[in-house]
Amino acid sequence: MPRRTAIDVRQPSDQTSNRQKWRVSLTEDAFESFMARCGDAGREVFGEGSLFSPMLFGKFFDPSDAFPLWEFDSDDLLSALRCSSKTSVDWAESSSEFILRAHVPGARKCEVEICGEKPKVVMEISGQWGPAVREPGPRDWRSGRWWERGFVRRIELPENANWRRAEAYITEDEEHSLLEIKIPKNNNNFDSNTHHTSGGGGGEGKE
């Protein structure tokens, strides 16, 4: 039976440390070279249709760069992948909230963190796909060639997103892990002081 677990949405108070993350951009040439030698584990994480693939939107886009996801319709950006059933990624918005759902490849653990300050607030979904390696000193995998060790998708949140009330869940079964993120809106019914209750399952560094 699938198990649904809440993920802590981190909101670090020290934004200075976020500038050390994702400083190295993933270029198209570097990605092609990496995919040629990364093996099955890397291709599972960054392969066609994955939330963390640079090719998710039909052309190369570094997933460590913040993308304004909810400014676009998922049916338009993902039409080719959906026609061939090659993606589980979906995002939408209702009158009360923004929603994102996607499979996490290989049932890997991921973190959800919200960084930055208005007007640009960014949600980071990240984790490690390779073996953990102890770095000398304070350096971590996110400050270098991050794709060789982990994965990320950074999403710029809409101005009316009540990101302080964001909720994230992972639903696991024997084969898949489904990530679901819900962010209530700031509007007449959902202001910054309103507590948002999830309705159940079903799915800063760079400037």
N, C-alpha and C. Protein backbone atom coordinates (compact mmCIF):
# COMPACT_ATOMS: atom_id res chain seq x y z
N MET A 1 0.85 -1.19 0.00
CA MET A 1 0.00 0.00 0.00
C MET A 1 0.89 1.25 0.00
N PRO A 2 0.62 2.23 -0.86
CA PRO A 2 1.45 3.44 -0.90
C PRO A 2 1.48 4.16 0.45
N ARG A 3 2.63 4.71 0.77
CA ARG A 3 2.82 5.44 2.02
C ARG A 3 3.08 6.91 1.73
N ARG A 4 2.31 7.79 2.35
CA ARG A 4 2.42 9.23 2.11
C ARG A 4 3.04 9.89 3.34
N THR A 5 4.13 10.63 3.10
CA THR A 5 4.88 11.24 4.18
C THR A 5 5.10 12.72 3.90
N ALA A 6 4.96 13.54 4.92
CA ALA A 6 5.21 14.97 4.77
C ALA A 6 6.71 15.23 4.72
N ILE A 7 7.11 16.18 3.87
CA ILE A 7 8.50 16.63 3.78
C ILE A 7 8.58 18.02 4.37
N ASP A 8 9.57 18.25 5.20
CA ASP A 8 9.76 19.57 5.79
C ASP A 8 10.20 20.55 4.71
N VAL A 9 9.45 21.62 4.52
CA VAL A 9 9.83 22.66 3.57
C VAL A 9 10.71 23.66 4.30
N ARG A 10 11.98 23.65 3.99
CA ARG A 10 12.93 24.49 4.71
C ARG A 10 12.86 25.93 4.21
N GLN A 11 12.98 26.85 5.16
CA GLN A 11 12.99 28.28 4.85
C GLN A 11 14.11 28.93 5.66
N PRO A 12 15.36 28.76 5.20
CA PRO A 12 16.51 29.24 5.98
C PRO A 12 16.47 30.75 6.20
N SER A 13 16.81 31.15 7.41
CA SER A 13 16.82 32.58 7.73
C SER A 13 18.09 33.26 7.22
N ASP A 14 19.17 32.47 7.07
CA ASP A 14 20.43 33.02 6.58
C ASP A 14 20.51 32.85 5.07
N GLN A 15 20.15 33.90 4.33
CA GLN A 15 20.14 33.82 2.88
C GLN A 15 21.55 33.93 2.28
N THR A 16 22.53 34.39 3.08
CA THR A 16 23.89 34.54 2.57
C THR A 16 24.46 33.22 2.11
N SER A 17 24.20 32.14 2.85
CA SER A 17 24.74 30.83 2.50
C SER A 17 24.19 30.31 1.17
N ASN A 18 23.02 30.80 0.77
CA ASN A 18 22.44 30.33 -0.49
C ASN A 18 23.24 30.76 -1.70
N ARG A 19 24.03 31.82 -1.56
CA ARG A 19 24.83 32.30 -2.69
C ARG A 19 25.95 31.35 -3.05
N GLN A 20 26.27 30.42 -2.16
CA GLN A 20 27.33 29.45 -2.44
C GLN A 20 26.80 28.27 -3.26
N LYS A 21 25.51 28.15 -3.37
CA LYS A 21 24.92 27.01 -4.09
C LYS A 21 24.68 27.35 -5.55
N TRP A 22 24.81 26.31 -6.39
CA TRP A 22 24.47 26.40 -7.81
C TRP A 22 25.26 27.50 -8.53
N ARG A 23 26.49 27.74 -8.09
CA ARG A 23 27.32 28.77 -8.72
C ARG A 23 27.86 28.30 -10.07
N VAL A 24 27.97 26.99 -10.25
CA VAL A 24 28.49 26.44 -11.50
C VAL A 24 27.31 26.08 -12.39
N SER A 25 27.22 26.71 -13.54
CA SER A 25 26.10 26.47 -14.46
C SER A 25 26.33 25.18 -15.25
N LEU A 26 25.26 24.47 -15.49
CA LEU A 26 25.30 23.28 -16.35
C LEU A 26 25.08 23.73 -17.79
N THR A 27 26.09 23.55 -18.63
CA THR A 27 25.97 23.91 -20.04
C THR A 27 25.53 22.69 -20.85
N GLU A 28 25.09 22.95 -22.07
CA GLU A 28 24.63 21.86 -22.91
C GLU A 28 25.77 20.90 -23.25
N ASP A 29 26.96 21.42 -23.53
CA ASP A 29 28.11 20.56 -23.83
C ASP A 29 28.49 19.71 -22.62
N ALA A 30 28.50 20.33 -21.44
CA ALA A 30 28.84 19.59 -20.23
C ALA A 30 27.81 18.49 -19.95
N PHE A 31 26.55 18.80 -20.23
CA PHE A 31 25.50 17.81 -20.00
C PHE A 31 25.63 16.62 -20.95
N GLU A 32 25.90 16.88 -22.22
CA GLU A 32 26.07 15.80 -23.18
C GLU A 32 27.25 14.90 -22.81
N SER A 33 28.34 15.51 -22.38
CA SER A 33 29.51 14.75 -21.96
C SER A 33 29.20 13.91 -20.72
N PHE A 34 28.49 14.50 -19.79
CA PHE A 34 28.13 13.79 -18.56
C PHE A 34 27.21 12.61 -18.85
N MET A 35 26.20 12.79 -19.68
CA MET A 35 25.25 11.72 -19.98
C MET A 35 25.91 10.55 -20.70
N ALA A 36 27.00 10.82 -21.42
CA ALA A 36 27.69 9.76 -22.14
C ALA A 36 28.46 8.83 -21.21
N ARG A 37 28.69 9.27 -19.97
CA ARG A 37 29.50 8.46 -19.07
C ARG A 37 28.89 8.25 -17.68
N CYS A 38 27.69 8.73 -17.45
CA CYS A 38 27.13 8.70 -16.09
C CYS A 38 26.53 7.36 -15.71
N GLY A 39 26.24 6.50 -16.70
CA GLY A 39 25.65 5.21 -16.39
C GLY A 39 24.15 5.29 -16.19
N ASP A 40 23.55 4.15 -15.86
CA ASP A 40 22.10 4.06 -15.74
C ASP A 40 21.54 4.95 -14.63
N ALA A 41 22.27 5.05 -13.52
CA ALA A 41 21.76 5.82 -12.38
C ALA A 41 21.60 7.30 -12.76
N GLY A 42 22.60 7.85 -13.43
CA GLY A 42 22.51 9.26 -13.84
C GLY A 42 21.46 9.47 -14.90
N ARG A 43 21.36 8.55 -15.85
CA ARG A 43 20.37 8.70 -16.92
C ARG A 43 18.95 8.59 -16.38
N GLU A 44 18.78 7.83 -15.31
CA GLU A 44 17.45 7.74 -14.70
C GLU A 44 17.02 9.07 -14.10
N VAL A 45 17.96 9.79 -13.50
CA VAL A 45 17.66 11.06 -12.85
C VAL A 45 17.46 12.17 -13.88
N PHE A 46 18.33 12.22 -14.89
CA PHE A 46 18.34 13.34 -15.83
C PHE A 46 17.72 12.99 -17.19
N GLY A 47 17.16 11.80 -17.31
CA GLY A 47 16.64 11.35 -18.58
C GLY A 47 15.37 12.07 -19.02
N GLU A 48 14.94 11.74 -20.20
CA GLU A 48 13.80 12.40 -20.82
C GLU A 48 12.55 12.32 -19.95
N GLY A 49 11.92 13.46 -19.71
CA GLY A 49 10.68 13.51 -18.95
C GLY A 49 10.84 13.72 -17.46
N SER A 50 12.09 13.63 -16.95
CA SER A 50 12.31 13.83 -15.52
C SER A 50 12.17 15.30 -15.15
N LEU A 51 11.66 15.57 -13.96
CA LEU A 51 11.57 16.94 -13.45
C LEU A 51 12.94 17.61 -13.45
N PHE A 52 14.01 16.82 -13.33
CA PHE A 52 15.36 17.37 -13.17
C PHE A 52 16.15 17.37 -14.48
N SER A 53 15.50 16.99 -15.58
CA SER A 53 16.17 16.99 -16.87
C SER A 53 16.28 18.41 -17.45
N PRO A 54 17.45 18.79 -17.97
CA PRO A 54 17.56 20.11 -18.63
C PRO A 54 16.72 20.20 -19.90
N MET A 55 16.26 19.06 -20.42
CA MET A 55 15.49 19.04 -21.66
C MET A 55 13.98 18.94 -21.41
N LEU A 56 13.55 19.09 -20.17
CA LEU A 56 12.15 18.89 -19.83
C LEU A 56 11.21 19.78 -20.64
N PHE A 57 11.62 21.02 -20.91
CA PHE A 57 10.74 21.98 -21.56
C PHE A 57 10.92 22.03 -23.08
N GLY A 58 11.57 21.03 -23.64
CA GLY A 58 11.68 20.94 -25.09
C GLY A 58 12.97 21.49 -25.66
N LYS A 59 13.69 22.30 -24.91
CA LYS A 59 15.01 22.77 -25.30
C LYS A 59 15.84 22.90 -24.04
N PHE A 60 17.15 22.99 -24.19
CA PHE A 60 18.04 22.96 -23.04
C PHE A 60 17.81 24.16 -22.13
N PHE A 61 17.64 23.86 -20.83
CA PHE A 61 17.50 24.90 -19.82
C PHE A 61 18.11 24.36 -18.53
N ASP A 62 19.16 25.03 -18.05
CA ASP A 62 19.85 24.61 -16.83
C ASP A 62 18.86 24.56 -15.66
N PRO A 63 18.62 23.38 -15.07
CA PRO A 63 17.64 23.29 -13.98
C PRO A 63 18.06 24.01 -12.71
N SER A 64 19.33 24.45 -12.63
CA SER A 64 19.73 25.23 -11.46
C SER A 64 19.44 26.72 -11.63
N ASP A 65 18.97 27.11 -12.82
CA ASP A 65 18.46 28.46 -13.03
C ASP A 65 16.98 28.49 -12.68
N ALA A 66 16.54 29.53 -12.01
CA ALA A 66 15.14 29.61 -11.60
C ALA A 66 14.23 29.80 -12.81
N PHE A 67 13.19 28.97 -12.89
CA PHE A 67 12.26 29.00 -14.01
C PHE A 67 10.86 29.35 -13.49
N PRO A 68 10.18 30.32 -14.13
CA PRO A 68 8.84 30.73 -13.66
C PRO A 68 7.77 29.73 -14.12
N LEU A 69 7.72 28.59 -13.50
CA LEU A 69 6.92 27.46 -13.96
C LEU A 69 5.46 27.81 -14.18
N TRP A 70 4.87 28.52 -13.20
CA TRP A 70 3.42 28.76 -13.27
C TRP A 70 3.03 29.89 -14.21
N GLU A 71 4.00 30.44 -14.93
CA GLU A 71 3.67 31.39 -16.00
C GLU A 71 3.35 30.66 -17.30
N PHE A 72 3.53 29.34 -17.30
CA PHE A 72 3.32 28.55 -18.51
C PHE A 72 2.32 27.44 -18.23
N ASP A 73 1.65 26.99 -19.29
CA ASP A 73 0.69 25.90 -19.20
C ASP A 73 1.44 24.58 -19.39
N SER A 74 1.25 23.64 -18.47
CA SER A 74 1.97 22.36 -18.57
C SER A 74 1.58 21.58 -19.83
N ASP A 75 0.34 21.72 -20.28
CA ASP A 75 -0.08 21.02 -21.50
C ASP A 75 0.70 21.52 -22.71
N ASP A 76 1.05 22.80 -22.73
CA ASP A 76 1.80 23.35 -23.85
C ASP A 76 3.27 22.94 -23.80
N LEU A 77 3.92 23.12 -22.64
CA LEU A 77 5.35 22.83 -22.54
C LEU A 77 5.66 21.34 -22.62
N LEU A 78 4.74 20.51 -22.15
CA LEU A 78 5.02 19.08 -22.06
C LEU A 78 4.22 18.25 -23.07
N SER A 79 3.66 18.90 -24.07
CA SER A 79 2.76 18.20 -24.99
C SER A 79 3.44 17.01 -25.68
N ALA A 80 4.67 17.19 -26.17
CA ALA A 80 5.36 16.11 -26.88
C ALA A 80 5.65 14.94 -25.95
N LEU A 81 6.08 15.23 -24.73
CA LEU A 81 6.38 14.17 -23.77
C LEU A 81 5.12 13.43 -23.36
N ARG A 82 4.03 14.15 -23.19
CA ARG A 82 2.79 13.51 -22.78
C ARG A 82 2.21 12.63 -23.88
N CYS A 83 2.37 13.06 -25.12
CA CYS A 83 1.86 12.25 -26.24
C CYS A 83 2.54 10.88 -26.29
N SER A 84 3.80 10.84 -25.84
CA SER A 84 4.54 9.57 -25.84
C SER A 84 4.65 8.96 -24.44
N SER A 85 3.87 9.51 -23.50
CA SER A 85 3.82 9.00 -22.11
C SER A 85 5.20 8.92 -21.48
N LYS A 86 6.00 9.98 -21.68
CA LYS A 86 7.36 9.97 -21.18
C LYS A 86 7.58 10.89 -19.98
N THR A 87 6.53 11.42 -19.41
CA THR A 87 6.71 12.26 -18.24
C THR A 87 5.53 12.13 -17.28
N SER A 88 5.82 12.27 -16.00
CA SER A 88 4.78 12.30 -14.97
C SER A 88 4.67 13.69 -14.36
N VAL A 89 5.47 14.62 -14.86
CA VAL A 89 5.48 15.98 -14.30
C VAL A 89 4.18 16.70 -14.65
N ASP A 90 3.63 17.40 -13.67
CA ASP A 90 2.43 18.19 -13.91
C ASP A 90 2.40 19.35 -12.92
N TRP A 91 1.95 20.48 -13.37
CA TRP A 91 1.72 21.61 -12.48
C TRP A 91 0.44 22.30 -12.90
N ALA A 92 -0.19 22.95 -11.93
CA ALA A 92 -1.47 23.60 -12.19
C ALA A 92 -1.71 24.63 -11.09
N GLU A 93 -2.75 25.40 -11.25
CA GLU A 93 -3.17 26.30 -10.19
C GLU A 93 -4.68 26.36 -10.16
N SER A 94 -5.21 26.49 -8.95
CA SER A 94 -6.64 26.66 -8.76
C SER A 94 -6.87 28.06 -8.22
N SER A 95 -8.08 28.36 -7.82
CA SER A 95 -8.36 29.68 -7.26
C SER A 95 -7.69 29.87 -5.91
N SER A 96 -7.24 28.78 -5.29
CA SER A 96 -6.70 28.88 -3.94
C SER A 96 -5.25 28.45 -3.79
N GLU A 97 -4.66 27.73 -4.78
CA GLU A 97 -3.32 27.23 -4.57
C GLU A 97 -2.60 26.89 -5.88
N PHE A 98 -1.27 26.76 -5.77
CA PHE A 98 -0.41 26.27 -6.84
C PHE A 98 -0.01 24.84 -6.50
N ILE A 99 0.04 23.97 -7.51
CA ILE A 99 0.31 22.56 -7.27
C ILE A 99 1.38 22.08 -8.25
N LEU A 100 2.30 21.25 -7.75
CA LEU A 100 3.30 20.59 -8.59
C LEU A 100 3.36 19.13 -8.19
N ARG A 101 3.34 18.24 -9.19
CA ARG A 101 3.48 16.80 -8.94
C ARG A 101 4.50 16.22 -9.92
N ALA A 102 5.33 15.30 -9.42
CA ALA A 102 6.30 14.65 -10.29
C ALA A 102 6.87 13.43 -9.60
N HIS A 103 7.20 12.41 -10.39
CA HIS A 103 7.91 11.26 -9.85
C HIS A 103 9.35 11.66 -9.56
N VAL A 104 9.87 11.15 -8.45
CA VAL A 104 11.29 11.32 -8.13
C VAL A 104 12.00 10.06 -8.60
N PRO A 105 12.88 10.15 -9.59
CA PRO A 105 13.49 8.95 -10.18
C PRO A 105 14.23 8.10 -9.15
N GLY A 106 14.04 6.80 -9.27
CA GLY A 106 14.76 5.87 -8.42
C GLY A 106 14.40 5.92 -6.96
N ALA A 107 13.24 6.48 -6.65
CA ALA A 107 12.77 6.58 -5.26
C ALA A 107 13.81 7.27 -4.37
N ARG A 108 14.49 8.27 -4.92
CA ARG A 108 15.53 8.97 -4.17
C ARG A 108 14.93 10.02 -3.24
N LYS A 109 15.63 10.27 -2.15
CA LYS A 109 15.18 11.29 -1.22
C LYS A 109 15.47 12.68 -1.80
N CYS A 110 14.60 13.61 -1.50
CA CYS A 110 14.83 14.97 -1.97
C CYS A 110 14.44 15.96 -0.87
N GLU A 111 14.99 17.16 -0.99
CA GLU A 111 14.70 18.24 -0.07
C GLU A 111 13.97 19.35 -0.80
N VAL A 112 13.14 20.06 -0.09
CA VAL A 112 12.44 21.22 -0.64
C VAL A 112 12.80 22.42 0.21
N GLU A 113 13.31 23.45 -0.45
CA GLU A 113 13.77 24.64 0.27
C GLU A 113 13.30 25.89 -0.46
N ILE A 114 12.90 26.89 0.28
CA ILE A 114 12.47 28.16 -0.31
C ILE A 114 13.46 29.24 0.08
N CYS A 115 14.00 29.91 -0.93
CA CYS A 115 15.09 30.86 -0.73
C CYS A 115 14.75 32.21 -1.32
N GLY A 116 15.49 33.21 -0.88
CA GLY A 116 15.35 34.54 -1.46
C GLY A 116 14.33 35.39 -0.74
N GLU A 117 14.12 36.56 -1.28
CA GLU A 117 13.18 37.51 -0.73
C GLU A 117 12.40 38.15 -1.86
N LYS A 118 11.25 38.72 -1.54
CA LYS A 118 10.44 39.38 -2.58
C LYS A 118 11.26 40.44 -3.27
N PRO A 119 11.08 40.63 -4.59
CA PRO A 119 10.03 40.03 -5.43
C PRO A 119 10.39 38.67 -6.02
N LYS A 120 11.64 38.17 -5.78
CA LYS A 120 12.04 36.91 -6.38
C LYS A 120 12.26 35.87 -5.29
N VAL A 121 11.28 35.01 -5.12
CA VAL A 121 11.37 33.91 -4.17
C VAL A 121 11.44 32.63 -4.98
N VAL A 122 12.39 31.76 -4.64
CA VAL A 122 12.66 30.57 -5.43
C VAL A 122 12.50 29.32 -4.58
N MET A 123 11.84 28.32 -5.14
CA MET A 123 11.73 27.02 -4.50
C MET A 123 12.75 26.07 -5.13
N GLU A 124 13.54 25.41 -4.29
CA GLU A 124 14.54 24.46 -4.76
C GLU A 124 14.15 23.05 -4.36
N ILE A 125 14.14 22.16 -5.34
CA ILE A 125 13.92 20.74 -5.08
C ILE A 125 15.22 20.04 -5.46
N SER A 126 15.88 19.42 -4.49
CA SER A 126 17.19 18.87 -4.77
C SER A 126 17.46 17.62 -3.95
N GLY A 127 18.51 16.92 -4.34
CA GLY A 127 18.93 15.71 -3.63
C GLY A 127 20.16 15.14 -4.30
N GLN A 128 20.68 14.05 -3.76
CA GLN A 128 21.87 13.42 -4.31
C GLN A 128 21.51 12.11 -4.99
N TRP A 129 22.05 11.90 -6.18
CA TRP A 129 21.83 10.65 -6.90
C TRP A 129 23.05 9.74 -6.79
N GLY A 130 24.23 10.31 -6.56
CA GLY A 130 25.45 9.53 -6.44
C GLY A 130 25.80 9.27 -4.99
N PRO A 131 26.86 8.51 -4.75
CA PRO A 131 27.27 8.24 -3.37
C PRO A 131 27.71 9.51 -2.67
N ALA A 132 27.39 9.60 -1.39
CA ALA A 132 27.81 10.76 -0.62
C ALA A 132 29.32 10.77 -0.47
N VAL A 133 29.92 11.95 -0.68
CA VAL A 133 31.37 12.10 -0.57
C VAL A 133 31.64 13.23 0.40
N ARG A 134 32.49 12.97 1.38
CA ARG A 134 32.81 14.01 2.36
C ARG A 134 33.75 15.04 1.74
N GLU A 135 33.32 16.29 1.75
CA GLU A 135 34.13 17.36 1.19
C GLU A 135 35.03 17.95 2.28
N PRO A 136 36.27 18.33 1.92
CA PRO A 136 37.12 19.00 2.91
C PRO A 136 36.58 20.38 3.24
N GLY A 137 36.56 20.72 4.52
CA GLY A 137 36.07 22.04 4.91
C GLY A 137 34.57 22.17 4.74
N PRO A 138 34.09 23.42 4.59
CA PRO A 138 32.64 23.67 4.55
C PRO A 138 32.00 23.42 3.18
N ARG A 139 32.78 23.16 2.13
CA ARG A 139 32.26 23.02 0.79
C ARG A 139 31.31 21.83 0.69
N ASP A 140 30.23 21.99 -0.05
CA ASP A 140 29.35 20.85 -0.28
C ASP A 140 29.13 20.66 -1.78
N TRP A 141 28.43 19.59 -2.14
CA TRP A 141 28.29 19.20 -3.54
C TRP A 141 27.57 20.24 -4.38
N ARG A 142 26.78 21.09 -3.77
CA ARG A 142 25.99 22.05 -4.52
C ARG A 142 26.79 23.27 -4.98
N SER A 143 28.01 23.43 -4.49
CA SER A 143 28.80 24.60 -4.85
C SER A 143 29.76 24.34 -6.00
N GLY A 144 29.83 23.11 -6.50
CA GLY A 144 30.71 22.78 -7.60
C GLY A 144 29.92 22.22 -8.79
N ARG A 145 30.47 21.20 -9.42
CA ARG A 145 29.80 20.55 -10.55
C ARG A 145 28.71 19.64 -9.98
N TRP A 146 27.64 20.27 -9.57
CA TRP A 146 26.60 19.61 -8.77
C TRP A 146 25.97 18.41 -9.47
N TRP A 147 25.85 18.43 -10.82
CA TRP A 147 25.17 17.36 -11.55
C TRP A 147 25.91 16.03 -11.46
N GLU A 148 27.20 16.07 -11.12
CA GLU A 148 27.96 14.84 -10.97
C GLU A 148 27.64 14.13 -9.67
N ARG A 149 26.97 14.81 -8.76
CA ARG A 149 26.65 14.23 -7.46
C ARG A 149 25.17 14.27 -7.12
N GLY A 150 24.48 15.28 -7.65
CA GLY A 150 23.08 15.45 -7.25
C GLY A 150 22.23 16.02 -8.36
N PHE A 151 21.03 16.45 -8.00
CA PHE A 151 20.07 16.99 -8.95
C PHE A 151 19.33 18.16 -8.31
N VAL A 152 18.76 19.02 -9.15
CA VAL A 152 18.02 20.16 -8.64
C VAL A 152 17.03 20.63 -9.69
N ARG A 153 15.95 21.20 -9.24
CA ARG A 153 15.06 22.00 -10.09
C ARG A 153 14.69 23.21 -9.26
N ARG A 154 15.03 24.40 -9.78
CA ARG A 154 14.74 25.64 -9.08
C ARG A 154 13.59 26.35 -9.80
N ILE A 155 12.58 26.74 -9.04
CA ILE A 155 11.35 27.30 -9.60
C ILE A 155 11.06 28.65 -8.96
N GLU A 156 10.91 29.66 -9.81
CA GLU A 156 10.55 30.99 -9.32
C GLU A 156 9.06 31.00 -8.99
N LEU A 157 8.73 31.41 -7.78
CA LEU A 157 7.34 31.38 -7.33
C LEU A 157 6.60 32.64 -7.76
N PRO A 158 5.31 32.51 -8.04
CA PRO A 158 4.49 33.69 -8.38
C PRO A 158 4.44 34.67 -7.21
N GLU A 159 4.21 35.93 -7.52
CA GLU A 159 4.18 36.96 -6.48
C GLU A 159 3.09 36.72 -5.46
N ASN A 160 1.99 36.08 -5.87
CA ASN A 160 0.88 35.86 -4.93
C ASN A 160 0.95 34.51 -4.26
N ALA A 161 2.10 33.84 -4.31
CA ALA A 161 2.26 32.55 -3.62
C ALA A 161 2.54 32.79 -2.14
N ASN A 162 1.77 32.16 -1.30
CA ASN A 162 1.96 32.25 0.15
C ASN A 162 2.98 31.18 0.55
N TRP A 163 4.25 31.42 0.18
CA TRP A 163 5.28 30.40 0.29
C TRP A 163 5.58 30.00 1.72
N ARG A 164 5.26 30.84 2.69
CA ARG A 164 5.50 30.47 4.09
C ARG A 164 4.58 29.33 4.53
N ARG A 165 3.51 29.08 3.76
CA ARG A 165 2.57 27.99 4.09
C ARG A 165 2.70 26.80 3.13
N ALA A 166 3.81 26.75 2.39
CA ALA A 166 4.00 25.66 1.43
C ALA A 166 4.05 24.31 2.14
N GLU A 167 3.50 23.30 1.49
CA GLU A 167 3.50 21.93 2.00
C GLU A 167 4.03 20.99 0.94
N ALA A 168 4.76 19.97 1.36
CA ALA A 168 5.31 19.00 0.42
C ALA A 168 5.11 17.60 0.98
N TYR A 169 4.83 16.65 0.08
CA TYR A 169 4.60 15.26 0.46
C TYR A 169 5.28 14.33 -0.53
N ILE A 170 5.65 13.17 -0.05
CA ILE A 170 6.17 12.13 -0.93
C ILE A 170 5.32 10.88 -0.71
N THR A 171 4.80 10.32 -1.79
CA THR A 171 4.01 9.09 -1.72
C THR A 171 4.84 7.98 -2.36
N GLU A 172 5.13 6.94 -1.60
CA GLU A 172 6.02 5.88 -2.05
C GLU A 172 5.28 4.56 -2.18
N ASP A 173 5.61 3.83 -3.26
CA ASP A 173 5.21 2.45 -3.37
C ASP A 173 6.45 1.65 -3.74
N GLU A 174 6.30 0.43 -4.22
CA GLU A 174 7.46 -0.42 -4.48
C GLU A 174 8.30 0.07 -5.64
N GLU A 175 7.72 0.84 -6.55
CA GLU A 175 8.44 1.23 -7.76
C GLU A 175 8.68 2.73 -7.89
N HIS A 176 7.83 3.56 -7.30
CA HIS A 176 7.90 4.99 -7.57
C HIS A 176 7.79 5.80 -6.28
N SER A 177 8.29 7.02 -6.37
CA SER A 177 8.06 8.03 -5.34
C SER A 177 7.44 9.24 -6.03
N LEU A 178 6.26 9.64 -5.60
CA LEU A 178 5.57 10.78 -6.18
C LEU A 178 5.69 11.97 -5.25
N LEU A 179 6.30 13.04 -5.76
CA LEU A 179 6.42 14.28 -5.00
C LEU A 179 5.23 15.17 -5.30
N GLU A 180 4.65 15.74 -4.27
CA GLU A 180 3.53 16.66 -4.42
C GLU A 180 3.79 17.90 -3.57
N ILE A 181 3.72 19.06 -4.20
CA ILE A 181 3.94 20.32 -3.49
C ILE A 181 2.71 21.21 -3.68
N LYS A 182 2.24 21.79 -2.59
CA LYS A 182 1.09 22.68 -2.63
C LYS A 182 1.45 24.00 -1.95
N ILE A 183 1.17 25.09 -2.65
CA ILE A 183 1.46 26.42 -2.12
C ILE A 183 0.20 27.26 -2.22
N PRO A 184 -0.39 27.63 -1.10
CA PRO A 184 -1.61 28.45 -1.15
C PRO A 184 -1.34 29.83 -1.72
N LYS A 185 -2.40 30.44 -2.22
CA LYS A 185 -2.30 31.79 -2.78
C LYS A 185 -2.64 32.84 -1.73
N ASN A 186 -2.02 33.98 -1.90
CA ASN A 186 -2.44 35.16 -1.14
C ASN A 186 -3.53 35.86 -1.94
N ASN A 187 -4.77 35.73 -1.50
CA ASN A 187 -5.87 36.44 -2.15
C ASN A 187 -6.94 36.71 -1.11
N ASN A 188 -8.12 36.98 -1.55
CA ASN A 188 -9.18 37.37 -0.60
C ASN A 188 -9.50 36.27 0.39
N ASN A 189 -9.29 35.02 -0.04
CA ASN A 189 -9.63 33.90 0.84
C ASN A 189 -8.43 33.31 1.54
N PHE A 190 -7.21 33.56 1.00
CA PHE A 190 -6.01 32.97 1.56
C PHE A 190 -4.97 34.07 1.72
N ASP A 191 -4.98 34.75 2.86
CA ASP A 191 -3.97 35.76 3.09
C ASP A 191 -2.82 35.15 3.88
N SER A 192 -1.82 35.99 4.20
CA SER A 192 -0.60 35.47 4.82
C SER A 192 -0.83 34.90 6.21
N ASN A 193 -1.97 35.18 6.81
CA ASN A 193 -2.25 34.66 8.15
C ASN A 193 -3.16 33.45 8.13
N THR A 194 -3.52 32.99 6.94
CA THR A 194 -4.44 31.86 6.84
C THR A 194 -3.67 30.55 6.83
N HIS A 195 -4.05 29.60 7.65
CA HIS A 195 -3.41 28.29 7.65
C HIS A 195 -4.03 27.42 6.58
N HIS A 196 -3.19 26.86 5.72
CA HIS A 196 -3.68 26.03 4.61
C HIS A 196 -3.62 24.57 5.00
N THR A 197 -4.71 23.85 4.81
CA THR A 197 -4.76 22.43 5.11
C THR A 197 -4.83 21.66 3.82
N SER A 198 -3.90 20.71 3.63
CA SER A 198 -3.86 19.93 2.39
C SER A 198 -5.09 19.08 2.27
N GLY A 199 -5.56 18.93 1.03
CA GLY A 199 -6.77 18.15 0.80
C GLY A 199 -6.52 16.71 0.48
N GLY A 200 -5.28 16.21 0.68
CA GLY A 200 -5.04 14.79 0.43
C GLY A 200 -4.18 14.59 -0.78
N GLY A 201 -3.91 13.31 -1.08
CA GLY A 201 -2.93 12.93 -2.10
C GLY A 201 -3.43 13.14 -3.50
N GLY A 202 -2.60 12.69 -4.42
CA GLY A 202 -2.94 12.80 -5.84
C GLY A 202 -1.93 13.67 -6.52
N GLY A 203 -0.90 14.02 -5.92
CA GLY A 203 0.18 14.87 -6.43
C GLY A 203 0.22 16.26 -5.87
N GLU A 204 18.81 31.10 -2.05
CA GLU A 204 18.81 31.42 -3.50
C GLU A 204 20.23 31.44 -3.82
N GLY A 205 20.30 30.91 -4.73
CA GLY A 205 21.67 30.93 -5.20
C GLY A 205 21.82 31.93 -6.28
N LYS A 206 21.64 31.54 -7.52
CA LYS A 206 21.86 32.42 -8.68
C LYS A 206 20.80 33.50 -8.74
N GLU A 207 21.19 34.61 -9.30
CA GLU A 207 20.23 35.67 -9.58
C GLU A 207 19.86 35.60 -11.05
